[in-house]
């Protein structure tokens, strides 16, 4: 695949296409000069096949991290309850 550019998109972005042929143009802004320039158009073939799988894995990993945080908080709360229960005398 030499000679073909690869554009990287953060896995937090959602895409609304699978595969497409597109015409692209770049808009370049020069903030200091307060000017802009539009490039010539270029035809491209865009595929999101690998992106979808990578994004799903990233979402699962993020959910796993959040579940771990909640699990650890629940375990700590239960341990605290057990410790407090051991210090309390029960009267029936």
PDB file of N, CA and C in Angstrom:
ATOM      1  N   UNK A   1       0.823  -1.188   0.000  1.00  0.00           N
ATOM      2  CA  UNK A   1       0.000   0.000   0.000  1.00  0.00           C
ATOM      3  C   UNK A   1       0.868   1.254   0.000  1.00  0.00           C
ATOM      4  N   UNK A   2       2.001   1.181  -0.603  1.00  0.00           N
ATOM      5  CA  UNK A   2       2.857   2.360  -0.683  1.00  0.00           C
ATOM      6  C   UNK A   2       2.222   3.417  -1.573  1.00  0.00           C
ATOM      7  N   UNK A   3       2.444   4.650  -1.216  1.00  0.00           N
ATOM      8  CA  UNK A   3       1.920   5.738  -2.034  1.00  0.00           C
ATOM      9  C   UNK A   3       0.496   6.133  -1.700  1.00  0.00           C
ATOM     10  N   UNK A   4      -0.142   5.402  -0.810  1.00  0.00           N
ATOM     11  CA  UNK A   4      -1.511   5.736  -0.416  1.00  0.00           C
ATOM     12  C   UNK A   4      -1.483   6.352   0.974  1.00  0.00           C
ATOM     13  N   UNK A   5      -1.975   7.555   1.100  1.00  0.00           N
ATOM     14  CA  UNK A   5      -1.959   8.173   2.434  1.00  0.00           C
ATOM     15  C   UNK A   5      -2.955   7.517   3.371  1.00  0.00           C
ATOM     16  N   UNK A   6      -2.601   7.474   4.638  1.00  0.00           N
ATOM     17  CA  UNK A   6      -3.477   6.937   5.665  1.00  0.00           C
ATOM     18  C   UNK A   6      -3.813   8.082   6.605  1.00  0.00           C
ATOM     19  N   UNK A   7      -5.090   8.342   6.766  1.00  0.00           N
ATOM     20  CA  UNK A   7      -5.544   9.396   7.658  1.00  0.00           C
ATOM     21  C   UNK A   7      -6.005   8.744   8.950  1.00  0.00           C
ATOM     22  N   UNK A   8      -5.534   9.242  10.044  1.00  0.00           N
ATOM     23  CA  UNK A   8      -5.891   8.681  11.341  1.00  0.00           C
ATOM     24  C   UNK A   8      -6.958   9.550  11.991  1.00  0.00           C
ATOM     25  N   UNK A   9      -7.994   8.897  12.484  1.00  0.00           N
ATOM     26  CA  UNK A   9      -9.119   9.582  13.109  1.00  0.00           C
ATOM     27  C   UNK A   9      -9.206   9.070  14.547  1.00  0.00           C
ATOM     28  N   UNK A  10      -9.339   9.968  15.526  1.00  0.00           N
ATOM     29  CA  UNK A  10      -9.469   9.504  16.915  1.00  0.00           C
ATOM     30  C   UNK A  10     -10.649   8.542  17.062  1.00  0.00           C
ATOM     31  N   UNK A  11     -10.475   7.541  17.904  1.00  0.00           N
ATOM     32  CA  UNK A  11     -11.503   6.512  18.076  1.00  0.00           C
ATOM     33  C   UNK A  11     -12.745   7.030  18.792  1.00  0.00           C
ATOM     34  N   UNK A  12     -12.697   8.256  19.268  1.00  0.00           N
ATOM     35  CA  UNK A  12     -13.875   8.849  19.903  1.00  0.00           C
ATOM     36  C   UNK A  12     -14.838   9.419  18.874  1.00  0.00           C
ATOM     37  N   UNK A  13     -14.391   9.582  17.643  1.00  0.00           N
ATOM     38  CA  UNK A  13     -15.247  10.126  16.585  1.00  0.00           C
ATOM     39  C   UNK A  13     -16.156   9.032  16.037  1.00  0.00           C
ATOM     40  N   UNK A  14     -17.387   9.399  15.711  1.00  0.00           N
ATOM     41  CA  UNK A  14     -18.247   8.428  15.033  1.00  0.00           C
ATOM     42  C   UNK A  14     -18.324   8.815  13.561  1.00  0.00           C
ATOM     43  N   UNK A  15     -18.336   7.819  12.716  1.00  0.00           N
ATOM     44  CA  UNK A  15     -18.400   8.050  11.273  1.00  0.00           C
ATOM     45  C   UNK A  15     -19.772   7.669  10.760  1.00  0.00           C
ATOM     46  N   UNK A  16     -20.214   8.327   9.721  1.00  0.00           N
ATOM     47  CA  UNK A  16     -21.539   8.052   9.167  1.00  0.00           C
ATOM     48  C   UNK A  16     -21.459   7.396   7.794  1.00  0.00           C
ATOM     49  N   UNK A  17     -20.380   6.693   7.523  1.00  0.00           N
ATOM     50  CA  UNK A  17     -20.260   5.976   6.260  1.00  0.00           C
ATOM     51  C   UNK A  17     -19.409   4.730   6.480  1.00  0.00           C
ATOM     52  N   UNK A  18     -19.537   3.781   5.587  1.00  0.00           N
ATOM     53  CA  UNK A  18     -18.697   2.583   5.628  1.00  0.00           C
ATOM     54  C   UNK A  18     -17.572   2.701   4.607  1.00  0.00           C
ATOM     55  N   UNK A  19     -17.971   2.835   3.378  1.00  0.00           N
ATOM     56  CA  UNK A  19     -17.032   2.940   2.277  1.00  0.00           C
ATOM     57  C   UNK A  19     -17.584   3.959   1.296  1.00  0.00           C
ATOM     58  N   UNK A  20     -16.725   4.812   0.780  1.00  0.00           N
ATOM     59  CA  UNK A  20     -17.219   5.842  -0.130  1.00  0.00           C
ATOM     60  C   UNK A  20     -16.103   6.345  -1.035  1.00  0.00           C
ATOM     61  N   UNK A  21     -16.513   6.827  -2.171  1.00  0.00           N
ATOM     62  CA  UNK A  21     -15.607   7.555  -3.059  1.00  0.00           C
ATOM     63  C   UNK A  21     -15.946   9.025  -2.863  1.00  0.00           C
ATOM     64  N   UNK A  22     -14.931   9.810  -2.586  1.00  0.00           N
ATOM     65  CA  UNK A  22     -15.180  11.212  -2.246  1.00  0.00           C
ATOM     66  C   UNK A  22     -14.270  12.143  -3.035  1.00  0.00           C
ATOM     67  N   UNK A  23     -14.722  13.367  -3.168  1.00  0.00           N
ATOM     68  CA  UNK A  23     -13.884  14.457  -3.656  1.00  0.00           C
ATOM     69  C   UNK A  23     -13.525  15.291  -2.441  1.00  0.00           C
ATOM     70  N   UNK A  24     -12.231  15.514  -2.243  1.00  0.00           N
ATOM     71  CA  UNK A  24     -11.790  16.256  -1.062  1.00  0.00           C
ATOM     72  C   UNK A  24     -11.067  17.525  -1.474  1.00  0.00           C
ATOM     73  N   UNK A  25     -11.206  18.526  -0.612  1.00  0.00           N
ATOM     74  CA  UNK A  25     -10.439  19.757  -0.750  1.00  0.00           C
ATOM     75  C   UNK A  25     -10.000  20.187   0.637  1.00  0.00           C
ATOM     76  N   UNK A  26      -8.832  20.769   0.700  1.00  0.00           N
ATOM     77  CA  UNK A  26      -8.348  21.294   1.970  1.00  0.00           C
ATOM     78  C   UNK A  26      -8.594  22.794   2.009  1.00  0.00           C
ATOM     79  N   UNK A  27      -9.003  23.258   3.161  1.00  0.00           N
ATOM     80  CA  UNK A  27      -9.128  24.697   3.378  1.00  0.00           C
ATOM     81  C   UNK A  27      -8.046  25.052   4.382  1.00  0.00           C
ATOM     82  N   UNK A  28      -7.139  25.918   3.985  1.00  0.00           N
ATOM     83  CA  UNK A  28      -6.012  26.306   4.828  1.00  0.00           C
ATOM     84  C   UNK A  28      -6.229  27.733   5.303  1.00  0.00           C
ATOM     85  N   UNK A  29      -6.263  27.882   6.623  1.00  0.00           N
ATOM     86  CA  UNK A  29      -6.456  29.196   7.219  1.00  0.00           C
ATOM     87  C   UNK A  29      -5.130  29.705   7.771  1.00  0.00           C
ATOM     88  N   UNK A  30      -4.798  30.942   7.437  1.00  0.00           N
ATOM     89  CA  UNK A  30      -3.638  31.612   8.018  1.00  0.00           C
ATOM     90  C   UNK A  30      -4.186  32.660   8.973  1.00  0.00           C
ATOM     91  N   UNK A  31      -4.139  32.340  10.247  1.00  0.00           N
ATOM     92  CA  UNK A  31      -4.743  33.207  11.260  1.00  0.00           C
ATOM     93  C   UNK A  31      -4.013  34.542  11.335  1.00  0.00           C
ATOM     94  N   UNK A  32      -2.689  34.499  11.239  1.00  0.00           N
ATOM     95  CA  UNK A  32      -1.917  35.737  11.347  1.00  0.00           C
ATOM     96  C   UNK A  32      -2.225  36.700  10.203  1.00  0.00           C
ATOM     97  N   UNK A  33      -2.300  36.166   8.982  1.00  0.00           N
ATOM     98  CA  UNK A  33      -2.567  37.013   7.818  1.00  0.00           C
ATOM     99  C   UNK A  33      -4.062  37.196   7.568  1.00  0.00           C
ATOM    100  N   UNK A  34      -4.881  36.484   8.306  1.00  0.00           N
ATOM    101  CA  UNK A  34      -6.333  36.501   8.160  1.00  0.00           C
ATOM    102  C   UNK A  34      -6.756  36.207   6.716  1.00  0.00           C
ATOM    103  N   UNK A  35      -6.149  35.146   6.173  1.00  0.00           N
ATOM    104  CA  UNK A  35      -6.476  34.712   4.819  1.00  0.00           C
ATOM    105  C   UNK A  35      -6.798  33.219   4.837  1.00  0.00           C
ATOM    106  N   UNK A  36      -7.377  32.758   3.746  1.00  0.00           N
ATOM    107  CA  UNK A  36      -7.628  31.325   3.592  1.00  0.00           C
ATOM    108  C   UNK A  36      -7.366  30.935   2.146  1.00  0.00           C
ATOM    109  N   UNK A  37      -7.106  29.673   1.948  1.00  0.00           N
ATOM    110  CA  UNK A  37      -6.816  29.155   0.619  1.00  0.00           C
ATOM    111  C   UNK A  37      -7.463  27.787   0.488  1.00  0.00           C
ATOM    112  N   UNK A  38      -8.064  27.512  -0.667  1.00  0.00           N
ATOM    113  CA  UNK A  38      -8.704  26.224  -0.910  1.00  0.00           C
ATOM    114  C   UNK A  38      -7.880  25.477  -1.951  1.00  0.00           C
ATOM    115  N   UNK A  39      -7.552  24.213  -1.640  1.00  0.00           N
ATOM    116  CA  UNK A  39      -6.750  23.408  -2.551  1.00  0.00           C
ATOM    117  C   UNK A  39      -7.592  22.907  -3.714  1.00  0.00           C
ATOM    118  N   UNK A  40      -6.914  22.340  -4.699  1.00  0.00           N
ATOM    119  CA  UNK A  40      -7.631  21.691  -5.788  1.00  0.00           C
ATOM    120  C   UNK A  40      -8.277  20.427  -5.227  1.00  0.00           C
ATOM    121  N   UNK A  41      -9.327  19.975  -5.889  1.00  0.00           N
ATOM    122  CA  UNK A  41     -10.002  18.783  -5.391  1.00  0.00           C
ATOM    123  C   UNK A  41      -9.220  17.530  -5.777  1.00  0.00           C
ATOM    124  N   UNK A  42      -9.343  16.530  -4.929  1.00  0.00           N
ATOM    125  CA  UNK A  42      -8.697  15.240  -5.170  1.00  0.00           C
ATOM    126  C   UNK A  42      -9.715  14.147  -4.900  1.00  0.00           C
ATOM    127  N   UNK A  43      -9.754  13.162  -5.789  1.00  0.00           N
ATOM    128  CA  UNK A  43     -10.667  12.038  -5.602  1.00  0.00           C
ATOM    129  C   UNK A  43      -9.998  11.004  -4.709  1.00  0.00           C
ATOM    130  N   UNK A  44     -10.805  10.406  -3.833  1.00  0.00           N
ATOM    131  CA  UNK A  44     -10.258   9.417  -2.913  1.00  0.00           C
ATOM    132  C   UNK A  44     -11.286   8.326  -2.649  1.00  0.00           C
ATOM    133  N   UNK A  45     -10.783   7.178  -2.268  1.00  0.00           N
ATOM    134  CA  UNK A  45     -11.617   6.054  -1.846  1.00  0.00           C
ATOM    135  C   UNK A  45     -11.412   5.931  -0.337  1.00  0.00           C
ATOM    136  N   UNK A  46     -12.487   5.996   0.417  1.00  0.00           N
ATOM    137  CA  UNK A  46     -12.404   5.981   1.871  1.00  0.00           C
ATOM    138  C   UNK A  46     -13.107   4.731   2.400  1.00  0.00           C
ATOM    139  N   UNK A  47     -12.421   4.011   3.287  1.00  0.00           N
ATOM    140  CA  UNK A  47     -12.994   2.823   3.905  1.00  0.00           C
ATOM    141  C   UNK A  47     -12.881   2.952   5.417  1.00  0.00           C
ATOM    142  N   UNK A  48     -13.951   2.635   6.105  1.00  0.00           N
ATOM    143  CA  UNK A  48     -13.971   2.718   7.569  1.00  0.00           C
ATOM    144  C   UNK A  48     -14.047   1.332   8.206  1.00  0.00           C
ATOM    145  N   UNK A  49     -13.772   0.304   7.440  1.00  0.00           N
ATOM    146  CA  UNK A  49     -13.909  -1.074   7.924  1.00  0.00           C
ATOM    147  C   UNK A  49     -13.055  -1.330   9.163  1.00  0.00           C
ATOM    148  N   UNK A  50     -11.769  -1.000   9.107  1.00  0.00           N
ATOM    149  CA  UNK A  50     -10.885  -1.244  10.248  1.00  0.00           C
ATOM    150  C   UNK A  50     -11.186  -0.274  11.384  1.00  0.00           C
ATOM    151  N   UNK A  51     -11.655   0.909  11.045  1.00  0.00           N
ATOM    152  CA  UNK A  51     -11.977   1.904  12.070  1.00  0.00           C
ATOM    153  C   UNK A  51     -13.103   1.416  12.972  1.00  0.00           C
ATOM    154  N   UNK A  52     -14.119   0.792  12.369  1.00  0.00           N
ATOM    155  CA  UNK A  52     -15.263   0.315  13.150  1.00  0.00           C
ATOM    156  C   UNK A  52     -14.827  -0.691  14.206  1.00  0.00           C
ATOM    157  N   UNK A  53     -14.003  -1.638  13.825  1.00  0.00           N
ATOM    158  CA  UNK A  53     -13.532  -2.657  14.761  1.00  0.00           C
ATOM    159  C   UNK A  53     -12.681  -2.003  15.850  1.00  0.00           C
ATOM    160  N   UNK A  54     -11.783  -1.116  15.463  1.00  0.00           N
ATOM    161  CA  UNK A  54     -10.923  -0.447  16.439  1.00  0.00           C
ATOM    162  C   UNK A  54     -11.752   0.389  17.408  1.00  0.00           C
ATOM    163  N   UNK A  55     -12.781   1.058  16.900  1.00  0.00           N
ATOM    164  CA  UNK A  55     -13.634   1.892  17.756  1.00  0.00           C
ATOM    165  C   UNK A  55     -14.416   1.023  18.744  1.00  0.00           C
ATOM    166  N   UNK A  56     -14.932  -0.105  18.284  1.00  0.00           N
ATOM    167  CA  UNK A  56     -15.660  -1.012  19.172  1.00  0.00           C
ATOM    168  C   UNK A  56     -14.746  -1.526  20.285  1.00  0.00           C
ATOM    169  N   UNK A  57     -13.507  -1.864  19.948  1.00  0.00           N
ATOM    170  CA  UNK A  57     -12.552  -2.325  20.955  1.00  0.00           C
ATOM    171  C   UNK A  57     -12.252  -1.206  21.945  1.00  0.00           C
ATOM    172  N   UNK A  58     -12.085   0.011  21.461  1.00  0.00           N
ATOM    173  CA  UNK A  58     -11.807   1.148  22.343  1.00  0.00           C
ATOM    174  C   UNK A  58     -12.972   1.399  23.298  1.00  0.00           C
ATOM    175  N   UNK A  59     -14.197   1.285  22.802  1.00  0.00           N
ATOM    176  CA  UNK A  59     -15.380   1.485  23.650  1.00  0.00           C
ATOM    177  C   UNK A  59     -15.451   0.407  24.724  1.00  0.00           C
ATOM    178  N   UNK A  60     -15.203  -0.848  24.339  1.00  0.00           N
ATOM    179  CA  UNK A  60     -15.227  -1.949  25.309  1.00  0.00           C
ATOM    180  C   UNK A  60     -14.145  -1.744  26.365  1.00  0.00           C
ATOM    181  N   UNK A  61     -12.959  -1.327  25.954  1.00  0.00           N
ATOM    182  CA  UNK A  61     -11.885  -1.067  26.917  1.00  0.00           C
ATOM    183  C   UNK A  61     -12.272   0.040  27.889  1.00  0.00           C
ATOM    184  N   UNK A  62     -12.868   1.104  27.389  1.00  0.00           N
ATOM    185  CA  UNK A  62     -13.286   2.218  28.251  1.00  0.00           C
ATOM    186  C   UNK A  62     -14.363   1.768  29.239  1.00  0.00           C
ATOM    187  N   UNK A  63     -15.329   1.000  28.764  1.00  0.00           N
ATOM    188  CA  UNK A  63     -16.367   0.472  29.650  1.00  0.00           C
ATOM    189  C   UNK A  63     -15.757  -0.438  30.717  1.00  0.00           C
ATOM    190  N   UNK A  64     -14.790  -1.254  30.316  1.00  0.00           N
ATOM    191  CA  UNK A  64     -14.112  -2.141  31.261  1.00  0.00           C
ATOM    192  C   UNK A  64     -13.430  -1.358  32.373  1.00  0.00           C
ATOM    193  N   UNK A  65     -12.786  -0.240  32.016  1.00  0.00           N
ATOM    194  CA  UNK A  65     -12.132   0.600  33.020  1.00  0.00           C
ATOM    195  C   UNK A  65     -13.158   1.180  33.986  1.00  0.00           C
ATOM    196  N   UNK A  66     -14.288   1.632  33.455  1.00  0.00           N
ATOM    197  CA  UNK A  66     -15.323   2.207  34.314  1.00  0.00           C
ATOM    198  C   UNK A  66     -15.936   1.148  35.228  1.00  0.00           C
ATOM    199  N   UNK A  67     -16.164  -0.047  34.714  1.00  0.00           N
ATOM    200  CA  UNK A  67     -16.723  -1.133  35.530  1.00  0.00           C
ATOM    201  C   UNK A  67     -15.749  -1.473  36.654  1.00  0.00           C
ATOM    202  N   UNK A  68     -14.460  -1.491  36.358  1.00  0.00           N
ATOM    203  CA  UNK A  68     -13.452  -1.791  37.369  1.00  0.00           C
ATOM    204  C   UNK A  68     -13.495  -0.759  38.495  1.00  0.00           C
ATOM    205  N   UNK A  69     -13.629   0.516  38.157  1.00  0.00           N
ATOM    206  CA  UNK A  69     -13.695   1.574  39.175  1.00  0.00           C
ATOM    207  C   UNK A  69     -14.914   1.361  40.076  1.00  0.00           C
ATOM    208  N   UNK A  70     -16.080   1.076  39.474  1.00  0.00           N
ATOM    209  CA  UNK A  70     -17.291   0.838  40.266  1.00  0.00           C
ATOM    210  C   UNK A  70     -17.146  -0.420  41.130  1.00  0.00           C
ATOM    211  N   UNK A  71     -16.584  -1.471  40.569  1.00  0.00           N
ATOM    212  CA  UNK A  71     -16.399  -2.725  41.308  1.00  0.00           C
ATOM    213  C   UNK A  71     -15.515  -2.499  42.532  1.00  0.00           C
ATOM    214  N   UNK A  72     -14.394  -1.785  42.330  1.00  0.00           N
ATOM    215  CA  UNK A  72     -13.487  -1.510  43.448  1.00  0.00           C
ATOM    216  C   UNK A  72     -14.165  -0.660  44.515  1.00  0.00           C
ATOM    217  N   UNK A  73     -15.000   0.304  44.123  1.00  0.00           N
ATOM    218  CA  UNK A  73     -15.723   1.144  45.087  1.00  0.00           C
ATOM    219  C   UNK A  73     -16.732   0.310  45.874  1.00  0.00           C
ATOM    220  N   UNK A  74     -17.408  -0.613  45.205  1.00  0.00           N
ATOM    221  CA  UNK A  74     -18.384  -1.477  45.888  1.00  0.00           C
ATOM    222  C   UNK A  74     -17.674  -2.387  46.886  1.00  0.00           C
ATOM    223  N   UNK A  75     -16.552  -2.977  46.493  1.00  0.00           N
ATOM    224  CA  UNK A  75     -15.790  -3.854  47.386  1.00  0.00           C
ATOM    225  C   UNK A  75     -15.324  -3.068  48.611  1.00  0.00           C
ATOM    226  N   UNK A  76     -14.804  -1.859  48.415  1.00  0.00           N
ATOM    227  CA  UNK A  76     -14.349  -1.041  49.544  1.00  0.00           C
ATOM    228  C   UNK A  76     -15.515  -0.709  50.467  1.00  0.00           C
ATOM    229  N   UNK A  77     -16.665  -0.345  49.902  1.00  0.00           N
ATOM    230  CA  UNK A  77     -17.837  -0.028  50.734  1.00  0.00           C
ATOM    231  C   UNK A  77     -18.274  -1.252  51.539  1.00  0.00           C
ATOM    232  N   UNK A  78     -18.270  -2.421  50.930  1.00  0.00           N
ATOM    233  CA  UNK A  78     -18.649  -3.648  51.646  1.00  0.00           C
ATOM    234  C   UNK A  78     -17.647  -3.979  52.755  1.00  0.00           C
ATOM    235  N   UNK A  79     -16.361  -3.780  52.474  1.00  0.00           N
ATOM    236  CA  UNK A  79     -15.347  -4.020  53.500  1.00  0.00           C
ATOM    237  C   UNK A  79     -15.547  -3.074  54.683  1.00  0.00           C
ATOM    238  N   UNK A  80     -15.852  -1.803  54.393  1.00  0.00           N
ATOM    239  CA  UNK A  80     -16.110  -0.823  55.457  1.00  0.00           C
ATOM    240  C   UNK A  80     -17.323  -1.225  56.289  1.00  0.00           C
ATOM    241  N   UNK A  81     -18.356  -1.699  55.640  1.00  0.00           N
ATOM    242  CA  UNK A  81     -19.567  -2.134  56.345  1.00  0.00           C
ATOM    243  C   UNK A  81     -19.258  -3.313  57.244  1.00  0.00           C
ATOM    244  N   UNK A  82     -18.474  -4.278  56.752  1.00  0.00           N
ATOM    245  CA  UNK A  82     -18.103  -5.454  57.547  1.00  0.00           C
ATOM    246  C   UNK A  82     -17.276  -5.029  58.753  1.00  0.00           C
ATOM    247  N   UNK A  83     -16.313  -4.105  58.562  1.00  0.00           N
ATOM    248  CA  UNK A  83     -15.484  -3.633  59.675  1.00  0.00           C
ATOM    249  C   UNK A  83     -16.340  -2.947  60.727  1.00  0.00           C
ATOM    250  N   UNK A  84     -17.265  -2.103  60.309  1.00  0.00           N
ATOM    251  CA  UNK A  84     -18.149  -1.425  61.254  1.00  0.00           C
ATOM    252  C   UNK A  84     -19.031  -2.426  61.974  1.00  0.00           C
ATOM    253  N   UNK A  85     -19.485  -3.439  61.278  1.00  0.00           N
ATOM    254  CA  UNK A  85     -20.326  -4.473  61.867  1.00  0.00           C
ATOM    255  C   UNK A  85     -19.597  -5.277  62.918  1.00  0.00           C
ATOM    256  N   UNK A  86     -18.298  -5.492  62.737  1.00  0.00           N
ATOM    257  CA  UNK A  86     -17.514  -6.252  63.710  1.00  0.00           C
ATOM    258  C   UNK A  86     -17.355  -5.485  65.005  1.00  0.00           C
ATOM    259  N   UNK A  87     -17.368  -4.159  64.946  1.00  0.00           N
ATOM    260  CA  UNK A  87     -17.185  -3.330  66.134  1.00  0.00           C
ATOM    261  C   UNK A  87     -18.501  -3.106  66.869  1.00  0.00           C
ATOM    262  N   UNK A  88     -19.607  -3.402  66.259  1.00  0.00           N
ATOM    263  CA  UNK A  88     -20.908  -3.154  66.856  1.00  0.00           C
ATOM    264  C   UNK A  88     -21.393  -4.412  67.564  1.00  0.00           C
ATOM    265  N   UNK A  89     -21.880  -4.220  68.784  1.00  0.00           N
ATOM    266  CA  UNK A  89     -22.476  -5.351  69.501  1.00  0.00           C
ATOM    267  C   UNK A  89     -23.935  -5.463  69.106  1.00  0.00           C
ATOM    268  N   UNK A  90     -24.319  -6.646  68.750  1.00  0.00           N
ATOM    269  CA  UNK A  90     -25.698  -6.872  68.315  1.00  0.00           C
ATOM    270  C   UNK A  90     -26.532  -7.316  69.518  1.00  0.00           C
ATOM    271  N   UNK A  91     -27.661  -6.695  69.684  1.00  0.00           N
ATOM    272  CA  UNK A  91     -28.572  -7.089  70.769  1.00  0.00           C
ATOM    273  C   UNK A  91     -29.875  -7.551  70.145  1.00  0.00           C
ATOM    274  N   UNK A  92     -30.292  -8.700  70.552  1.00  0.00           N
ATOM    275  CA  UNK A  92     -31.553  -9.232  70.058  1.00  0.00           C
ATOM    276  C   UNK A  92     -32.613  -9.162  71.130  1.00  0.00           C
TER     277      UNK A  92
END
